[in-house]
Amino acid sequence: MNQQLDNFATAIKLHQEFYGLFDENSQEWVIVDATNNNDGDALPLWSTKELASVQLTGEWKGFVLQAISIEDWLEFWMDDLQDSAIVIGINWGINDNLSEVSLTDFTNIVMQAEDIG
């Protein structure tokens, strides 16, 4: 696992949640073109509220931060996205990062970070 993924995993293990950007008017999450797949989409997610809040500028200025708990990801999101070709953008925009991982790899990271106790 690269440093970006290690940092993401460490942060979500500590807080048991991560963040996406949500449009309250359309009730839609930010979905963008994937950088590594010309035909695919990416769901950018951030490991902390602070990292996500930095992205609320420009075209994403009207969006709000929305926490996604590890429990909700594993119970709802994983199944809802399973049949899509979406990838997950990890802490996009931080140090010009545009890292993407597959839904399966991301879910494995989330599962390892889950606090079962």
Protein backbone atom coordinates (compact mmCIF):
# COMPACT_ATOMS: atom_id res chain seq x y z
CA MET A 1 0.00 0.00 0.00
CA ASN A 2 1.39 3.42 -0.89
CA GLN A 3 1.83 6.24 1.62
CA GLN A 4 -1.38 7.99 0.53
CA LEU A 5 -3.42 4.85 1.24
CA ASP A 6 -1.58 4.24 4.52
CA ASN A 7 -2.43 7.77 5.67
CA PHE A 8 -6.07 7.33 4.63
CA ALA A 9 -6.36 3.97 6.42
CA THR A 10 -4.76 5.30 9.61
CA ALA A 11 -7.12 8.30 9.76
CA ILE A 12 -10.31 6.35 9.13
CA LYS A 13 -9.31 3.67 11.64
CA LEU A 14 -8.98 6.39 14.27
CA HIS A 15 -12.25 8.23 13.48
CA GLN A 16 -14.30 5.37 11.96
CA GLU A 17 -15.52 7.65 9.17
CA PHE A 18 -14.46 9.49 6.04
CA TYR A 19 -15.94 12.30 3.97
CA GLY A 20 -17.46 13.00 0.60
CA LEU A 21 -18.94 16.12 -0.97
CA PHE A 22 -22.72 16.24 -1.25
CA ASP A 23 -25.05 18.57 -3.14
CA GLU A 24 -28.09 19.15 -0.95
CA ASN A 25 -30.13 20.60 -3.82
CA SER A 26 -29.79 17.64 -6.17
CA GLN A 27 -29.24 15.09 -3.38
CA GLU A 28 -26.20 13.82 -5.29
CA TRP A 29 -22.62 13.05 -4.31
CA VAL A 30 -19.70 14.52 -6.24
CA ILE A 31 -18.79 12.08 -8.99
CA VAL A 32 -16.06 13.04 -11.46
CA ASP A 33 -14.26 11.58 -14.44
CA ALA A 34 -11.65 9.07 -13.32
CA THR A 35 -8.10 10.09 -14.10
CA ASN A 36 -6.87 6.59 -14.90
CA ASN A 37 -9.92 5.35 -16.80
CA ASN A 38 -11.24 7.46 -19.68
CA ASP A 39 -14.66 5.82 -19.61
CA GLY A 40 -15.06 5.57 -15.84
CA ASP A 41 -16.16 7.70 -12.95
CA ALA A 42 -14.55 8.36 -9.60
CA LEU A 43 -16.05 9.09 -6.21
CA PRO A 44 -13.57 11.32 -4.39
CA LEU A 45 -13.39 10.69 -0.64
CA TRP A 46 -11.25 12.23 2.10
CA SER A 47 -10.03 10.71 5.33
CA THR A 48 -10.74 13.76 7.50
CA LYS A 49 -13.17 16.64 7.62
CA GLU A 50 -10.26 19.07 7.41
CA LEU A 51 -8.89 17.58 4.19
CA ALA A 52 -12.34 17.49 2.63
CA SER A 53 -13.20 21.06 3.59
CA VAL A 54 -10.23 22.39 1.61
CA GLN A 55 -12.01 21.18 -1.54
CA LEU A 56 -15.09 23.38 -1.05
CA THR A 57 -13.95 25.94 -3.62
CA GLY A 58 -14.51 26.57 -7.31
CA GLU A 59 -16.97 24.16 -8.87
CA TRP A 60 -17.47 22.39 -5.51
CA LYS A 61 -18.14 25.59 -3.54
CA GLY A 62 -21.88 24.88 -3.20
CA PHE A 63 -21.42 21.37 -1.85
CA VAL A 64 -21.39 20.33 1.81
CA LEU A 65 -19.22 17.85 3.66
CA GLN A 66 -20.95 14.61 4.47
CA ALA A 67 -19.48 12.00 6.79
CA ILE A 68 -19.72 8.35 5.78
CA SER A 69 -19.22 5.93 8.64
CA ILE A 70 -17.29 2.73 8.08
CA GLU A 71 -20.38 0.84 9.21
CA ASP A 72 -22.58 2.59 6.60
CA TRP A 73 -20.01 1.98 3.85
CA LEU A 74 -19.94 -1.74 4.56
CA GLU A 75 -23.69 -2.06 5.08
CA PHE A 76 -25.05 0.12 2.25
CA TRP A 77 -22.52 1.77 -0.04
CA MET A 78 -20.51 -1.29 -0.97
CA ASP A 79 -23.58 -3.13 -2.24
CA ASP A 80 -25.05 -0.08 -3.98
CA LEU A 81 -21.83 0.56 -5.92
CA GLN A 82 -20.87 -3.05 -6.54
CA ASP A 83 -22.25 -3.23 -10.08
CA SER A 84 -20.80 0.11 -11.16
CA ALA A 85 -17.40 0.68 -12.71
CA ILE A 86 -16.65 3.49 -10.26
CA VAL A 87 -13.25 3.93 -8.64
CA ILE A 88 -12.53 5.76 -5.40
CA GLY A 89 -10.39 8.88 -5.34
CA ILE A 90 -8.32 8.93 -2.15
CA ASN A 91 -7.74 12.37 -0.56
CA TRP A 92 -7.85 14.08 -3.95
CA GLY A 93 -6.26 17.47 -4.27
CA ILE A 94 -3.95 17.03 -1.31
CA ASN A 95 -0.41 17.72 -2.55
CA ASP A 96 -1.82 17.51 -6.12
CA ASN A 97 -2.75 13.90 -5.48
CA LEU A 98 -5.20 12.13 -7.79
CA SER A 99 -4.80 8.57 -6.46
CA GLU A 100 -7.56 6.14 -7.33
CA VAL A 101 -8.28 2.63 -6.13
CA SER A 102 -10.84 0.07 -7.18
CA LEU A 103 -14.03 -0.30 -5.19
CA THR A 104 -12.82 -3.71 -4.01
CA ASP A 105 -9.45 -2.40 -2.84
CA PHE A 106 -11.08 0.55 -1.09
CA THR A 107 -13.60 -1.67 0.66
CA ASN A 108 -10.76 -3.92 1.83
CA ILE A 109 -9.04 -0.86 3.34
CA VAL A 110 -12.30 0.09 5.06
CA MET A 111 -12.83 -3.42 6.38
CA GLN A 112 -9.34 -3.48 7.87
CA ALA A 113 -10.00 -0.12 9.56
CA GLU A 114 -13.32 -1.17 11.07
CA ASP A 115 -13.36 -1.13 14.87
CA ILE A 116 -15.31 -4.25 15.67
CA GLY A 117 -14.80 -4.01 19.44
